[in-house]
Amino acid sequence: MNVKMRAHLIVDGYNVINCWPELLKQSNDLEHARDKLIHILLEYGAYEKYDVTVVFDALYTSSAQSFEQLNGHFETVYTKKKETADSYIERLAYELVHDGKEVFVVTSDGAEQNVVLGAGAYRMTVKELSKAVTVTKKKLRNRCASDAAMSTGRNEIADRIEPSVSKKLDILRKKHFDK
């Protein structure tokens, strides 16, 4: 059985926050903006079946690098002291491509896009990610509305079979009751 490997989405967290108006409004509370981005990407990654790594720059902190594994397919990384998010992303993209994974890197930094393209990864601009997230949210809303409508109404077989089959069954039913 051929099981398709999940694609990996690597996101430059602060780059996205600084480019998305709904997150930029939150930038005076950076923790809230990060949490909102993580929530959006968790939902998007789960629905689209991506492994997701969100990288936040901790270049000017005295902290050691930290990872937060939110589930088996989603992690948040805060780079270590003196390491940029870009250098971490470049290294991770190269490693994942080398391991045979399909990798998408989300950033609007042109130089970063060129480096990841050179490593064999695909680039996705922040604007492209925003559009993809919007489409996915719409799919989710429609799916939930459809599921809700199906559960509230009658669930009749006639609604789920071909009209020709329904007609034949109706003829058989009438023959049976006419006896």
N, C-alpha and C. Protein backbone atom coordinates (compact mmCIF):
# COMPACT_ATOMS: atom_id res chain seq x y z
N MET A 1 0.84 -1.18 0.00
CA MET A 1 0.00 0.00 0.00
C MET A 1 0.89 1.24 0.00
N ASN A 2 0.61 2.18 -0.88
CA ASN A 2 1.41 3.39 -1.01
C ASN A 2 0.78 4.51 -0.18
N VAL A 3 1.40 4.83 0.95
CA VAL A 3 0.90 5.89 1.82
C VAL A 3 1.66 7.17 1.51
N LYS A 4 0.93 8.21 1.16
CA LYS A 4 1.57 9.48 0.81
C LYS A 4 2.06 10.17 2.09
N MET A 5 3.32 10.60 2.05
CA MET A 5 3.90 11.31 3.18
C MET A 5 3.30 12.71 3.26
N ARG A 6 3.03 13.17 4.47
CA ARG A 6 2.48 14.51 4.64
C ARG A 6 3.51 15.55 4.24
N ALA A 7 3.04 16.59 3.58
CA ALA A 7 3.92 17.72 3.25
C ALA A 7 4.19 18.49 4.54
N HIS A 8 5.29 19.21 4.56
CA HIS A 8 5.69 19.96 5.75
C HIS A 8 5.60 21.46 5.45
N LEU A 9 4.93 22.18 6.30
CA LEU A 9 4.77 23.62 6.18
C LEU A 9 5.62 24.28 7.27
N ILE A 10 6.59 25.09 6.85
CA ILE A 10 7.44 25.82 7.80
C ILE A 10 7.05 27.29 7.69
N VAL A 11 6.70 27.88 8.82
CA VAL A 11 6.18 29.25 8.81
C VAL A 11 7.09 30.17 9.61
N ASP A 12 7.49 31.27 8.99
CA ASP A 12 8.24 32.33 9.68
C ASP A 12 7.21 33.15 10.46
N GLY A 13 7.07 32.84 11.74
CA GLY A 13 5.99 33.37 12.56
C GLY A 13 5.89 34.88 12.60
N TYR A 14 6.98 35.56 12.92
CA TYR A 14 6.92 37.02 13.03
C TYR A 14 6.72 37.67 11.67
N ASN A 15 7.22 37.05 10.62
CA ASN A 15 7.00 37.58 9.27
C ASN A 15 5.51 37.58 8.96
N VAL A 16 4.82 36.49 9.31
CA VAL A 16 3.37 36.40 9.08
C VAL A 16 2.64 37.42 9.95
N ILE A 17 2.99 37.49 11.22
CA ILE A 17 2.32 38.44 12.12
C ILE A 17 2.44 39.86 11.60
N ASN A 18 3.62 40.22 11.08
CA ASN A 18 3.83 41.59 10.61
C ASN A 18 3.20 41.87 9.25
N CYS A 19 2.71 40.83 8.56
CA CYS A 19 2.09 41.02 7.25
C CYS A 19 0.57 40.84 7.25
N TRP A 20 0.03 40.16 8.24
CA TRP A 20 -1.42 39.93 8.28
C TRP A 20 -2.08 41.02 9.11
N PRO A 21 -2.96 41.81 8.51
CA PRO A 21 -3.60 42.91 9.24
C PRO A 21 -4.28 42.47 10.54
N GLU A 22 -4.97 41.32 10.53
CA GLU A 22 -5.68 40.88 11.75
C GLU A 22 -4.71 40.50 12.87
N LEU A 23 -3.49 40.13 12.52
CA LEU A 23 -2.49 39.82 13.54
C LEU A 23 -1.67 41.06 13.89
N LEU A 24 -1.46 41.91 12.91
CA LEU A 24 -0.70 43.14 13.12
C LEU A 24 -1.40 44.04 14.15
N LYS A 25 -2.73 44.01 14.13
CA LYS A 25 -3.51 44.78 15.13
C LYS A 25 -3.18 44.31 16.54
N GLN A 26 -2.80 43.04 16.67
CA GLN A 26 -2.50 42.45 17.97
C GLN A 26 -1.03 42.61 18.36
N SER A 27 -0.23 43.23 17.48
CA SER A 27 1.22 43.21 17.68
C SER A 27 1.68 43.95 18.94
N ASN A 28 0.82 44.81 19.51
CA ASN A 28 1.22 45.42 20.79
C ASN A 28 1.14 44.37 21.91
N ASP A 29 0.41 43.30 21.69
CA ASP A 29 0.39 42.15 22.60
C ASP A 29 0.89 40.96 21.79
N LEU A 30 2.21 40.86 21.69
CA LEU A 30 2.85 39.86 20.85
C LEU A 30 2.46 38.44 21.22
N GLU A 31 2.29 38.17 22.49
CA GLU A 31 1.91 36.83 22.93
C GLU A 31 0.53 36.46 22.37
N HIS A 32 -0.39 37.41 22.39
CA HIS A 32 -1.73 37.16 21.85
C HIS A 32 -1.67 36.94 20.34
N ALA A 33 -0.87 37.74 19.64
CA ALA A 33 -0.72 37.58 18.19
C ALA A 33 -0.13 36.21 17.86
N ARG A 34 0.87 35.78 18.62
CA ARG A 34 1.47 34.46 18.41
C ARG A 34 0.45 33.35 18.64
N ASP A 35 -0.30 33.47 19.74
CA ASP A 35 -1.32 32.46 20.05
C ASP A 35 -2.38 32.38 18.96
N LYS A 36 -2.80 33.53 18.45
CA LYS A 36 -3.82 33.55 17.40
C LYS A 36 -3.28 32.90 16.12
N LEU A 37 -2.04 33.23 15.76
CA LEU A 37 -1.41 32.62 14.57
C LEU A 37 -1.31 31.11 14.75
N ILE A 38 -0.87 30.67 15.91
CA ILE A 38 -0.74 29.23 16.17
C ILE A 38 -2.09 28.54 16.04
N HIS A 39 -3.13 29.14 16.58
CA HIS A 39 -4.49 28.57 16.48
C HIS A 39 -4.93 28.44 15.02
N ILE A 40 -4.71 29.49 14.25
CA ILE A 40 -5.07 29.49 12.83
C ILE A 40 -4.32 28.37 12.09
N LEU A 41 -3.02 28.27 12.35
CA LEU A 41 -2.21 27.27 11.65
C LEU A 41 -2.48 25.84 12.11
N LEU A 42 -2.85 25.67 13.38
CA LEU A 42 -3.23 24.34 13.86
C LEU A 42 -4.44 23.83 13.09
N GLU A 43 -5.45 24.69 12.96
CA GLU A 43 -6.67 24.32 12.24
C GLU A 43 -6.37 24.06 10.76
N TYR A 44 -5.63 24.97 10.15
CA TYR A 44 -5.30 24.85 8.73
C TYR A 44 -4.48 23.59 8.46
N GLY A 45 -3.44 23.37 9.26
CA GLY A 45 -2.58 22.20 9.08
C GLY A 45 -3.32 20.89 9.26
N ALA A 46 -4.21 20.85 10.24
CA ALA A 46 -4.98 19.62 10.48
C ALA A 46 -5.90 19.33 9.31
N TYR A 47 -6.59 20.34 8.81
CA TYR A 47 -7.55 20.13 7.73
C TYR A 47 -6.84 19.77 6.43
N GLU A 48 -5.74 20.46 6.14
CA GLU A 48 -5.02 20.23 4.88
C GLU A 48 -3.97 19.12 4.98
N LYS A 49 -3.85 18.52 6.17
CA LYS A 49 -2.93 17.41 6.43
C LYS A 49 -1.46 17.78 6.19
N TYR A 50 -1.05 18.87 6.80
CA TYR A 50 0.36 19.29 6.80
C TYR A 50 0.98 18.98 8.15
N ASP A 51 2.27 18.67 8.14
CA ASP A 51 3.06 18.77 9.36
C ASP A 51 3.48 20.24 9.38
N VAL A 52 3.34 20.91 10.52
CA VAL A 52 3.59 22.34 10.59
C VAL A 52 4.65 22.65 11.64
N THR A 53 5.60 23.50 11.26
CA THR A 53 6.58 24.06 12.20
C THR A 53 6.50 25.57 12.09
N VAL A 54 6.17 26.24 13.19
CA VAL A 54 6.15 27.70 13.22
C VAL A 54 7.40 28.13 13.96
N VAL A 55 8.18 29.01 13.33
CA VAL A 55 9.45 29.43 13.91
C VAL A 55 9.37 30.90 14.29
N PHE A 56 9.70 31.18 15.55
CA PHE A 56 9.76 32.55 16.05
C PHE A 56 11.20 32.89 16.38
N ASP A 57 11.60 34.06 15.98
CA ASP A 57 12.94 34.56 16.16
C ASP A 57 13.17 34.92 17.63
N ALA A 58 14.19 34.33 18.23
CA ALA A 58 14.56 34.71 19.60
C ALA A 58 15.99 35.22 19.61
N LEU A 59 16.41 35.82 18.51
CA LEU A 59 17.78 36.26 18.29
C LEU A 59 18.33 37.11 19.44
N TYR A 60 17.53 38.00 19.96
CA TYR A 60 18.04 38.95 20.95
C TYR A 60 17.67 38.59 22.39
N THR A 61 17.35 37.34 22.62
CA THR A 61 17.05 36.92 23.99
C THR A 61 18.23 36.15 24.55
N SER A 62 18.21 35.94 25.83
CA SER A 62 19.26 35.13 26.45
C SER A 62 18.79 33.69 26.64
N SER A 63 17.62 33.39 26.12
CA SER A 63 17.03 32.06 26.28
C SER A 63 17.71 31.03 25.39
N ALA A 64 17.63 29.79 25.85
CA ALA A 64 18.05 28.68 25.00
C ALA A 64 16.92 28.40 24.01
N GLN A 65 17.24 27.68 22.96
CA GLN A 65 16.22 27.33 21.98
C GLN A 65 15.15 26.50 22.67
N SER A 66 13.89 26.71 22.28
CA SER A 66 12.83 25.91 22.86
C SER A 66 11.87 25.42 21.79
N PHE A 67 11.33 24.24 22.05
CA PHE A 67 10.36 23.61 21.17
C PHE A 67 9.10 23.36 21.96
N GLU A 68 7.97 23.50 21.30
CA GLU A 68 6.71 23.14 21.92
C GLU A 68 5.96 22.27 20.92
N GLN A 69 5.83 20.99 21.23
CA GLN A 69 5.13 20.04 20.36
C GLN A 69 3.67 20.04 20.78
N LEU A 70 2.79 20.61 19.94
CA LEU A 70 1.38 20.72 20.30
C LEU A 70 0.61 19.45 19.99
N ASN A 71 1.02 18.73 18.97
CA ASN A 71 0.49 17.40 18.67
C ASN A 71 1.50 16.72 17.76
N GLY A 72 1.17 15.57 17.25
CA GLY A 72 2.12 14.82 16.43
C GLY A 72 2.48 15.48 15.11
N HIS A 73 1.74 16.53 14.73
CA HIS A 73 1.96 17.17 13.43
C HIS A 73 2.21 18.68 13.53
N PHE A 74 2.40 19.20 14.74
CA PHE A 74 2.54 20.64 14.88
C PHE A 74 3.53 20.96 15.99
N GLU A 75 4.50 21.82 15.64
CA GLU A 75 5.46 22.26 16.66
C GLU A 75 5.74 23.75 16.50
N THR A 76 6.05 24.36 17.62
CA THR A 76 6.45 25.76 17.65
C THR A 76 7.90 25.80 18.12
N VAL A 77 8.72 26.59 17.41
CA VAL A 77 10.14 26.69 17.75
C VAL A 77 10.48 28.14 18.02
N TYR A 78 11.19 28.38 19.13
CA TYR A 78 11.77 29.69 19.42
C TYR A 78 13.27 29.49 19.29
N THR A 79 13.88 30.21 18.35
CA THR A 79 15.30 29.99 18.08
C THR A 79 16.15 30.32 19.30
N LYS A 80 17.37 29.80 19.30
CA LYS A 80 18.28 30.07 20.41
C LYS A 80 18.93 31.44 20.26
N LYS A 81 19.61 31.85 21.30
CA LYS A 81 20.32 33.13 21.30
C LYS A 81 21.28 33.19 20.11
N LYS A 82 21.31 34.31 19.43
CA LYS A 82 22.17 34.58 18.28
C LYS A 82 21.82 33.73 17.04
N GLU A 83 20.62 33.18 17.00
CA GLU A 83 20.18 32.44 15.81
C GLU A 83 18.93 33.10 15.26
N THR A 84 18.92 33.37 13.98
CA THR A 84 17.73 33.98 13.37
C THR A 84 16.73 32.90 12.98
N ALA A 85 15.49 33.30 12.86
CA ALA A 85 14.46 32.38 12.37
C ALA A 85 14.82 31.93 10.95
N ASP A 86 15.35 32.87 10.16
CA ASP A 86 15.72 32.54 8.78
C ASP A 86 16.74 31.41 8.71
N SER A 87 17.78 31.48 9.53
CA SER A 87 18.81 30.44 9.47
C SER A 87 18.24 29.10 9.94
N TYR A 88 17.38 29.12 10.95
CA TYR A 88 16.76 27.88 11.42
C TYR A 88 15.87 27.29 10.32
N ILE A 89 15.07 28.14 9.69
CA ILE A 89 14.15 27.71 8.62
C ILE A 89 14.93 27.12 7.46
N GLU A 90 16.01 27.79 7.06
CA GLU A 90 16.83 27.29 5.94
C GLU A 90 17.38 25.91 6.24
N ARG A 91 17.90 25.72 7.45
CA ARG A 91 18.48 24.43 7.84
C ARG A 91 17.41 23.34 7.88
N LEU A 92 16.26 23.65 8.49
CA LEU A 92 15.17 22.68 8.60
C LEU A 92 14.64 22.29 7.22
N ALA A 93 14.46 23.29 6.36
CA ALA A 93 13.96 23.02 5.01
C ALA A 93 14.93 22.09 4.27
N TYR A 94 16.20 22.38 4.36
CA TYR A 94 17.21 21.55 3.69
C TYR A 94 17.15 20.12 4.22
N GLU A 95 17.09 19.95 5.55
CA GLU A 95 17.05 18.61 6.15
C GLU A 95 15.81 17.83 5.72
N LEU A 96 14.66 18.49 5.72
CA LEU A 96 13.42 17.81 5.36
C LEU A 96 13.39 17.43 3.88
N VAL A 97 13.86 18.33 3.02
CA VAL A 97 13.93 18.02 1.58
C VAL A 97 14.90 16.87 1.36
N HIS A 98 16.02 16.91 2.06
CA HIS A 98 17.02 15.84 1.95
C HIS A 98 16.43 14.49 2.38
N ASP A 99 15.48 14.52 3.34
CA ASP A 99 14.81 13.29 3.81
C ASP A 99 13.67 12.87 2.89
N GLY A 100 13.45 13.62 1.79
CA GLY A 100 12.44 13.24 0.82
C GLY A 100 11.06 13.84 1.04
N LYS A 101 10.95 14.79 1.95
CA LYS A 101 9.65 15.40 2.21
C LYS A 101 9.39 16.56 1.25
N GLU A 102 8.12 16.79 0.99
CA GLU A 102 7.70 17.97 0.24
C GLU A 102 7.57 19.10 1.26
N VAL A 103 8.28 20.20 1.05
CA VAL A 103 8.38 21.27 2.04
C VAL A 103 7.93 22.59 1.43
N PHE A 104 7.07 23.29 2.17
CA PHE A 104 6.62 24.63 1.81
C PHE A 104 7.07 25.58 2.90
N VAL A 105 7.72 26.66 2.51
CA VAL A 105 8.18 27.65 3.48
C VAL A 105 7.38 28.93 3.27
N VAL A 106 6.76 29.39 4.36
CA VAL A 106 5.94 30.59 4.30
C VAL A 106 6.73 31.78 4.83
N THR A 107 7.04 32.70 3.90
CA THR A 107 7.70 33.95 4.25
C THR A 107 7.53 34.92 3.09
N SER A 108 7.55 36.19 3.40
CA SER A 108 7.52 37.19 2.33
C SER A 108 8.89 37.82 2.15
N ASP A 109 9.89 37.27 2.80
CA ASP A 109 11.27 37.73 2.69
C ASP A 109 11.85 37.14 1.40
N GLY A 110 12.12 38.01 0.42
CA GLY A 110 12.59 37.57 -0.89
C GLY A 110 13.88 36.77 -0.84
N ALA A 111 14.84 37.22 -0.03
CA ALA A 111 16.12 36.51 0.06
C ALA A 111 15.89 35.11 0.64
N GLU A 112 15.05 35.02 1.64
CA GLU A 112 14.73 33.72 2.27
C GLU A 112 14.05 32.78 1.26
N GLN A 113 13.16 33.34 0.46
CA GLN A 113 12.47 32.54 -0.56
C GLN A 113 13.49 31.94 -1.54
N ASN A 114 14.45 32.73 -1.96
CA ASN A 114 15.48 32.24 -2.89
C ASN A 114 16.31 31.12 -2.28
N VAL A 115 16.65 31.26 -1.02
CA VAL A 115 17.47 30.23 -0.36
C VAL A 115 16.70 28.92 -0.26
N VAL A 116 15.42 28.98 0.15
CA VAL A 116 14.66 27.73 0.30
C VAL A 116 14.36 27.09 -1.05
N LEU A 117 14.16 27.93 -2.07
CA LEU A 117 13.98 27.38 -3.42
C LEU A 117 15.24 26.64 -3.85
N GLY A 118 16.39 27.22 -3.52
CA GLY A 118 17.66 26.57 -3.84
C GLY A 118 17.86 25.27 -3.10
N ALA A 119 17.24 25.16 -1.93
CA ALA A 119 17.35 23.92 -1.14
C ALA A 119 16.38 22.85 -1.64
N GLY A 120 15.48 23.22 -2.55
CA GLY A 120 14.53 22.25 -3.09
C GLY A 120 13.14 22.33 -2.48
N ALA A 121 12.92 23.32 -1.62
CA ALA A 121 11.60 23.52 -1.02
C ALA A 121 10.78 24.46 -1.90
N TYR A 122 9.51 24.53 -1.63
CA TYR A 122 8.63 25.47 -2.31
C TYR A 122 8.44 26.68 -1.42
N ARG A 123 8.26 27.83 -2.04
CA ARG A 123 8.00 29.01 -1.24
C ARG A 123 6.52 29.34 -1.33
N MET A 124 6.01 29.88 -0.25
CA MET A 124 4.63 30.35 -0.22
C MET A 124 4.67 31.72 0.46
N THR A 125 4.14 32.72 -0.22
CA THR A 125 4.15 34.05 0.39
C THR A 125 3.10 34.08 1.50
N VAL A 126 3.23 35.08 2.35
CA VAL A 126 2.27 35.25 3.44
C VAL A 126 0.88 35.50 2.86
N LYS A 127 0.82 36.24 1.76
CA LYS A 127 -0.47 36.51 1.11
C LYS A 127 -1.10 35.22 0.57
N GLU A 128 -0.28 34.35 -0.02
CA GLU A 128 -0.78 33.06 -0.51
C GLU A 128 -1.30 32.20 0.63
N LEU A 129 -0.59 32.20 1.76
CA LEU A 129 -1.05 31.45 2.92
C LEU A 129 -2.38 32.02 3.42
N SER A 130 -2.48 33.33 3.46
CA SER A 130 -3.73 33.97 3.90
C SER A 130 -4.91 33.53 3.04
N LYS A 131 -4.71 33.50 1.72
CA LYS A 131 -5.78 33.05 0.81
C LYS A 131 -6.11 31.59 1.05
N ALA A 132 -5.10 30.76 1.22
CA ALA A 132 -5.31 29.33 1.44
C ALA A 132 -6.07 29.09 2.75
N VAL A 133 -5.72 29.83 3.80
CA VAL A 133 -6.40 29.71 5.09
C VAL A 133 -7.86 30.13 4.94
N THR A 134 -8.12 31.21 4.21
CA THR A 134 -9.49 31.68 3.99
C THR A 134 -10.32 30.62 3.27
N VAL A 135 -9.75 30.02 2.24
CA VAL A 135 -10.45 28.96 1.49
C VAL A 135 -10.75 27.77 2.40
N THR A 136 -9.78 27.39 3.21
CA THR A 136 -9.96 26.25 4.12
C THR A 136 -11.03 26.55 5.15
N LYS A 137 -11.03 27.76 5.70
CA LYS A 137 -12.07 28.13 6.68
C LYS A 137 -13.45 28.06 6.04
N LYS A 138 -13.55 28.49 4.79
CA LYS A 138 -14.83 28.44 4.08
C LYS A 138 -15.27 26.98 3.90
N LYS A 139 -14.33 26.10 3.52
CA LYS A 139 -14.64 24.68 3.37
C LYS A 139 -15.14 24.11 4.70
N LEU A 140 -14.46 24.47 5.78
CA LEU A 140 -14.86 23.97 7.10
C LEU A 140 -16.26 24.45 7.48
N ARG A 141 -16.53 25.74 7.24
CA ARG A 141 -17.87 26.28 7.55
C ARG A 141 -18.94 25.56 6.74
N ASN A 142 -18.68 25.37 5.44
CA ASN A 142 -19.65 24.69 4.59
C ASN A 142 -19.86 23.24 5.02
N ARG A 143 -18.78 22.59 5.38
CA ARG A 143 -18.87 21.20 5.82
C ARG A 143 -19.66 21.10 7.12
N CYS A 144 -19.40 22.00 8.05
CA CYS A 144 -20.13 21.99 9.32
C CYS A 144 -21.60 22.32 9.10
N ALA A 145 -21.88 23.29 8.23
CA ALA A 145 -23.28 23.65 7.94
C ALA A 145 -23.98 22.48 7.27
N SER A 146 -23.31 21.81 6.37
CA SER A 146 -23.89 20.65 5.68
C SER A 146 -24.16 19.52 6.66
N ASP A 147 -23.20 19.25 7.54
CA ASP A 147 -23.38 18.20 8.55
C ASP A 147 -24.53 18.54 9.48
N ALA A 148 -24.64 19.81 9.86
CA ALA A 148 -25.73 20.23 10.75
C ALA A 148 -27.08 20.09 10.05
N ALA A 149 -27.14 20.46 8.79
CA ALA A 149 -28.40 20.37 8.04
C ALA A 149 -28.82 18.91 7.89
N MET A 150 -27.86 18.04 7.64
CA MET A 150 -28.19 16.62 7.49
C MET A 150 -28.68 16.03 8.78
N SER A 151 -28.13 16.46 9.90
CA SER A 151 -28.51 15.87 11.18
C SER A 151 -29.85 16.40 11.69
N THR A 152 -30.28 17.58 11.25
CA THR A 152 -31.54 18.13 11.74
C THR A 152 -32.73 17.69 10.90
N GLY A 153 -32.50 17.35 9.66
CA GLY A 153 -33.61 16.95 8.80
C GLY A 153 -33.81 15.44 8.83
N ARG A 154 -34.82 15.00 8.13
CA ARG A 154 -35.04 13.56 7.99
C ARG A 154 -33.97 13.00 7.09
N ASN A 155 -33.55 11.83 7.42
CA ASN A 155 -32.50 11.17 6.65
C ASN A 155 -33.15 10.03 5.87
N GLU A 156 -33.65 10.34 4.69
CA GLU A 156 -34.37 9.36 3.90
C GLU A 156 -33.49 8.82 2.78
N ILE A 157 -33.67 7.54 2.49
CA ILE A 157 -32.88 6.91 1.45
C ILE A 157 -33.16 7.51 0.08
N ALA A 158 -34.38 7.95 -0.13
CA ALA A 158 -34.76 8.54 -1.43
C ALA A 158 -33.91 9.77 -1.76
N ASP A 159 -33.40 10.44 -0.74
CA ASP A 159 -32.56 11.62 -0.96
C ASP A 159 -31.14 11.24 -1.40
N ARG A 160 -30.79 9.96 -1.27
CA ARG A 160 -29.41 9.57 -1.53
C ARG A 160 -29.25 8.59 -2.67
N ILE A 161 -30.33 8.23 -3.37
CA ILE A 161 -30.20 7.29 -4.48
C ILE A 161 -30.61 7.95 -5.79
N GLU A 162 -30.20 7.33 -6.87
CA GLU A 162 -30.51 7.83 -8.20
C GLU A 162 -32.02 7.80 -8.43
N PRO A 163 -32.56 8.78 -9.16
CA PRO A 163 -34.00 8.81 -9.45
C PRO A 163 -34.49 7.55 -10.17
N SER A 164 -33.68 6.99 -11.06
CA SER A 164 -34.11 5.77 -11.78
C SER A 164 -34.26 4.60 -10.82
N VAL A 165 -33.36 4.50 -9.85
CA VAL A 165 -33.45 3.43 -8.85
C VAL A 165 -34.68 3.66 -7.97
N SER A 166 -34.90 4.90 -7.61
CA SER A 166 -36.07 5.24 -6.79
C SER A 166 -37.36 4.86 -7.51
N LYS A 167 -37.41 5.14 -8.81
CA LYS A 167 -38.60 4.82 -9.61
C LYS A 167 -38.84 3.31 -9.63
N LYS A 168 -37.79 2.50 -9.82
CA LYS A 168 -37.90 1.05 -9.84
C LYS A 168 -38.37 0.51 -8.49
N LEU A 169 -37.81 1.07 -7.42
CA LEU A 169 -38.24 0.64 -6.08
C LEU A 169 -39.70 0.97 -5.84
N ASP A 170 -40.12 2.12 -6.32
CA ASP A 170 -41.52 2.53 -6.16
C ASP A 170 -42.45 1.57 -6.91
N ILE A 171 -42.05 1.14 -8.10
CA ILE A 171 -42.84 0.17 -8.89
C ILE A 171 -42.95 -1.15 -8.12
N LEU A 172 -41.82 -1.62 -7.58
CA LEU A 172 -41.83 -2.86 -6.79
C LEU A 172 -42.72 -2.74 -5.56
N ARG A 173 -42.64 -1.60 -4.89
CA ARG A 173 -43.46 -1.38 -3.70
C ARG A 173 -44.94 -1.43 -4.05
N LYS A 174 -45.32 -0.78 -5.14
CA LYS A 174 -46.72 -0.77 -5.55
C LYS A 174 -47.21 -2.16 -5.94
N LYS A 175 -46.37 -2.94 -6.63
CA LYS A 175 -46.74 -4.30 -6.99
C LYS A 175 -46.98 -5.14 -5.74
N HIS A 176 -46.12 -4.97 -4.74
CA HIS A 176 -46.23 -5.74 -3.50
C HIS A 176 -47.53 -5.43 -2.76
N PHE A 177 -47.90 -4.16 -2.69
CA PHE A 177 -49.09 -3.78 -1.94
C PHE A 177 -50.37 -3.96 -2.74
N ASP A 178 -50.27 -4.13 -4.05
CA ASP A 178 -51.47 -4.34 -4.87
C ASP A 178 -51.94 -5.79 -4.78
N LYS A 179 -51.16 -6.68 -4.25
CA LYS A 179 -51.54 -8.11 -4.17
C LYS A 179 -52.64 -8.33 -3.20
